[in-house]
Amino acid sequence: MDKRKTQTQRVLALLENGETITSLEAARMGHPIMDLPKRISELRRAGYVISGKREKSAEGARYMRYELVRP
């Protein structure tokens, strides 16, 4: 039996631990998560409520930081 987690499962595990995540952080992980917005969309379709907050880096780059919304 394959015990490896899918990218979507890994994103969910991070969010369920109270962490937030950005696309850059996801791409730099030991096992990179590619196309984070797609993974977030899959989780939302599965019924999870995930907020996205627009942020801006010191260099002016704009990005989204995702967080699981708890009831």
N, C-alpha and C. Protein backbone atom coordinates (compact mmCIF):
# COMPACT_ATOMS: atom_id res chain seq x y z
N MET A 1 0.85 -1.19 0.00
CA MET A 1 0.00 0.00 0.00
C MET A 1 0.89 1.25 0.00
N ASP A 2 0.55 2.22 -0.82
CA ASP A 2 1.33 3.44 -0.95
C ASP A 2 0.95 4.40 0.17
N LYS A 3 1.91 4.75 1.02
CA LYS A 3 1.64 5.63 2.16
C LYS A 3 2.00 7.08 1.89
N ARG A 4 2.43 7.39 0.67
CA ARG A 4 2.77 8.77 0.35
C ARG A 4 1.49 9.61 0.28
N LYS A 5 1.59 10.82 0.77
CA LYS A 5 0.45 11.74 0.73
C LYS A 5 0.46 12.49 -0.59
N THR A 6 -0.73 12.80 -1.08
CA THR A 6 -0.84 13.64 -2.26
C THR A 6 -0.48 15.07 -1.88
N GLN A 7 -0.26 15.91 -2.88
CA GLN A 7 0.03 17.31 -2.60
C GLN A 7 -1.13 17.95 -1.84
N THR A 8 -2.35 17.62 -2.21
CA THR A 8 -3.52 18.19 -1.55
C THR A 8 -3.58 17.75 -0.09
N GLN A 9 -3.26 16.50 0.18
CA GLN A 9 -3.25 16.00 1.56
C GLN A 9 -2.17 16.70 2.38
N ARG A 10 -1.03 16.97 1.78
CA ARG A 10 0.05 17.67 2.50
C ARG A 10 -0.34 19.11 2.81
N VAL A 11 -1.00 19.78 1.87
CA VAL A 11 -1.48 21.15 2.12
C VAL A 11 -2.48 21.13 3.27
N LEU A 12 -3.41 20.20 3.23
CA LEU A 12 -4.42 20.11 4.29
C LEU A 12 -3.77 19.85 5.64
N ALA A 13 -2.79 18.98 5.69
CA ALA A 13 -2.10 18.68 6.96
C ALA A 13 -1.46 19.94 7.53
N LEU A 14 -0.82 20.74 6.68
CA LEU A 14 -0.21 22.00 7.15
C LEU A 14 -1.26 22.94 7.70
N LEU A 15 -2.34 23.11 6.94
CA LEU A 15 -3.40 24.03 7.35
C LEU A 15 -4.08 23.56 8.63
N GLU A 16 -4.29 22.24 8.76
CA GLU A 16 -4.93 21.71 9.97
C GLU A 16 -4.05 21.88 11.21
N ASN A 17 -2.74 22.02 11.01
CA ASN A 17 -1.82 22.27 12.11
C ASN A 17 -1.77 23.74 12.49
N GLY A 18 -2.60 24.56 11.86
CA GLY A 18 -2.66 25.98 12.18
C GLY A 18 -1.66 26.82 11.42
N GLU A 19 -0.97 26.22 10.46
CA GLU A 19 0.00 26.97 9.67
C GLU A 19 -0.69 27.67 8.51
N THR A 20 -0.02 28.69 7.99
CA THR A 20 -0.46 29.34 6.76
C THR A 20 0.55 28.97 5.69
N ILE A 21 0.18 29.20 4.42
CA ILE A 21 1.10 28.83 3.34
C ILE A 21 0.91 29.74 2.14
N THR A 22 2.03 30.01 1.46
CA THR A 22 2.02 30.78 0.21
C THR A 22 2.55 29.88 -0.90
N SER A 23 2.36 30.30 -2.14
CA SER A 23 2.85 29.51 -3.27
C SER A 23 4.37 29.35 -3.22
N LEU A 24 5.07 30.40 -2.84
CA LEU A 24 6.53 30.33 -2.77
C LEU A 24 6.98 29.34 -1.69
N GLU A 25 6.34 29.41 -0.53
CA GLU A 25 6.66 28.46 0.54
C GLU A 25 6.38 27.02 0.10
N ALA A 26 5.26 26.82 -0.58
CA ALA A 26 4.89 25.48 -1.03
C ALA A 26 5.90 24.94 -2.04
N ALA A 27 6.37 25.79 -2.93
CA ALA A 27 7.33 25.36 -3.95
C ALA A 27 8.70 25.05 -3.37
N ARG A 28 9.02 25.64 -2.22
CA ARG A 28 10.34 25.45 -1.61
C ARG A 28 10.38 24.32 -0.57
N MET A 29 9.28 23.62 -0.40
CA MET A 29 9.24 22.53 0.58
C MET A 29 10.12 21.38 0.11
N GLY A 30 10.48 20.50 1.05
CA GLY A 30 11.30 19.33 0.73
C GLY A 30 10.71 18.51 -0.41
N HIS A 31 9.41 18.33 -0.40
CA HIS A 31 8.68 17.70 -1.50
C HIS A 31 7.74 18.79 -2.01
N PRO A 32 8.16 19.54 -3.02
CA PRO A 32 7.41 20.73 -3.45
C PRO A 32 5.94 20.46 -3.79
N ILE A 33 5.13 21.43 -3.43
CA ILE A 33 3.72 21.42 -3.80
C ILE A 33 3.58 22.41 -4.94
N MET A 34 3.25 21.89 -6.10
CA MET A 34 3.13 22.74 -7.28
C MET A 34 1.69 23.20 -7.44
N ASP A 35 1.52 24.39 -7.99
CA ASP A 35 0.19 24.96 -8.28
C ASP A 35 -0.68 25.00 -7.02
N LEU A 36 -0.21 25.69 -6.00
CA LEU A 36 -0.94 25.78 -4.73
C LEU A 36 -2.38 26.26 -4.91
N PRO A 37 -2.66 27.27 -5.74
CA PRO A 37 -4.06 27.68 -5.90
C PRO A 37 -4.98 26.52 -6.33
N LYS A 38 -4.46 25.63 -7.15
CA LYS A 38 -5.27 24.48 -7.57
C LYS A 38 -5.52 23.55 -6.38
N ARG A 39 -4.51 23.32 -5.57
CA ARG A 39 -4.67 22.46 -4.38
C ARG A 39 -5.69 23.09 -3.42
N ILE A 40 -5.64 24.41 -3.25
CA ILE A 40 -6.59 25.12 -2.39
C ILE A 40 -8.00 24.97 -2.95
N SER A 41 -8.14 25.10 -4.25
CA SER A 41 -9.44 24.95 -4.91
C SER A 41 -10.01 23.55 -4.67
N GLU A 42 -9.15 22.53 -4.76
CA GLU A 42 -9.60 21.15 -4.51
C GLU A 42 -10.11 20.99 -3.08
N LEU A 43 -9.41 21.59 -2.14
CA LEU A 43 -9.84 21.51 -0.74
C LEU A 43 -11.16 22.25 -0.52
N ARG A 44 -11.32 23.38 -1.16
CA ARG A 44 -12.57 24.13 -1.03
C ARG A 44 -13.73 23.33 -1.61
N ARG A 45 -13.51 22.68 -2.75
CA ARG A 45 -14.56 21.84 -3.34
C ARG A 45 -14.92 20.67 -2.43
N ALA A 46 -13.95 20.24 -1.63
CA ALA A 46 -14.19 19.14 -0.69
C ALA A 46 -14.89 19.63 0.59
N GLY A 47 -15.14 20.93 0.68
CA GLY A 47 -15.90 21.47 1.80
C GLY A 47 -15.10 22.24 2.84
N TYR A 48 -13.79 22.34 2.67
CA TYR A 48 -12.98 23.10 3.63
C TYR A 48 -13.11 24.58 3.34
N VAL A 49 -13.17 25.38 4.41
CA VAL A 49 -13.23 26.84 4.27
C VAL A 49 -11.81 27.36 4.46
N ILE A 50 -11.27 27.93 3.40
CA ILE A 50 -9.90 28.42 3.42
C ILE A 50 -9.90 29.87 2.97
N SER A 51 -9.31 30.73 3.81
CA SER A 51 -9.24 32.15 3.45
C SER A 51 -7.94 32.42 2.73
N GLY A 52 -7.98 33.41 1.87
CA GLY A 52 -6.78 33.86 1.16
C GLY A 52 -6.59 35.34 1.40
N LYS A 53 -5.43 35.69 1.93
CA LYS A 53 -5.14 37.10 2.22
C LYS A 53 -4.04 37.59 1.29
N ARG A 54 -4.32 38.67 0.57
CA ARG A 54 -3.32 39.24 -0.32
C ARG A 54 -2.28 39.97 0.51
N GLU A 55 -1.01 39.69 0.20
CA GLU A 55 0.09 40.34 0.88
C GLU A 55 1.07 40.87 -0.15
N LYS A 56 1.98 41.72 0.33
CA LYS A 56 2.98 42.32 -0.55
C LYS A 56 4.34 42.23 0.15
N SER A 57 5.33 41.72 -0.58
CA SER A 57 6.67 41.59 0.00
C SER A 57 7.36 42.95 0.05
N ALA A 58 8.49 42.99 0.74
CA ALA A 58 9.26 44.23 0.82
C ALA A 58 9.73 44.68 -0.55
N GLU A 59 9.90 43.73 -1.47
CA GLU A 59 10.33 44.04 -2.83
C GLU A 59 9.17 44.44 -3.74
N GLY A 60 7.94 44.35 -3.22
CA GLY A 60 6.77 44.75 -4.00
C GLY A 60 6.03 43.62 -4.68
N ALA A 61 6.49 42.38 -4.51
CA ALA A 61 5.79 41.23 -5.11
C ALA A 61 4.51 40.96 -4.33
N ARG A 62 3.44 40.70 -5.06
CA ARG A 62 2.15 40.40 -4.43
C ARG A 62 1.92 38.90 -4.45
N TYR A 63 1.31 38.41 -3.38
CA TYR A 63 1.05 36.97 -3.27
C TYR A 63 -0.12 36.74 -2.31
N MET A 64 -0.62 35.50 -2.29
CA MET A 64 -1.71 35.11 -1.41
C MET A 64 -1.16 34.22 -0.29
N ARG A 65 -1.64 34.45 0.91
CA ARG A 65 -1.34 33.59 2.05
C ARG A 65 -2.65 32.90 2.43
N TYR A 66 -2.63 31.56 2.45
CA TYR A 66 -3.84 30.78 2.70
C TYR A 66 -3.86 30.27 4.13
N GLU A 67 -5.09 30.21 4.70
CA GLU A 67 -5.27 29.76 6.06
C GLU A 67 -6.61 29.04 6.18
N LEU A 68 -6.63 27.95 6.94
CA LEU A 68 -7.86 27.21 7.18
C LEU A 68 -8.71 27.98 8.17
N VAL A 69 -9.98 28.16 7.87
CA VAL A 69 -10.90 28.86 8.76
C VAL A 69 -11.57 27.80 9.64
N ARG A 70 -11.41 27.95 10.92
CA ARG A 70 -11.99 27.00 11.88
C ARG A 70 -13.38 27.49 12.30
N PRO A 71 -14.30 26.55 12.49
CA PRO A 71 -15.66 26.95 12.93
C PRO A 71 -15.66 27.52 14.33
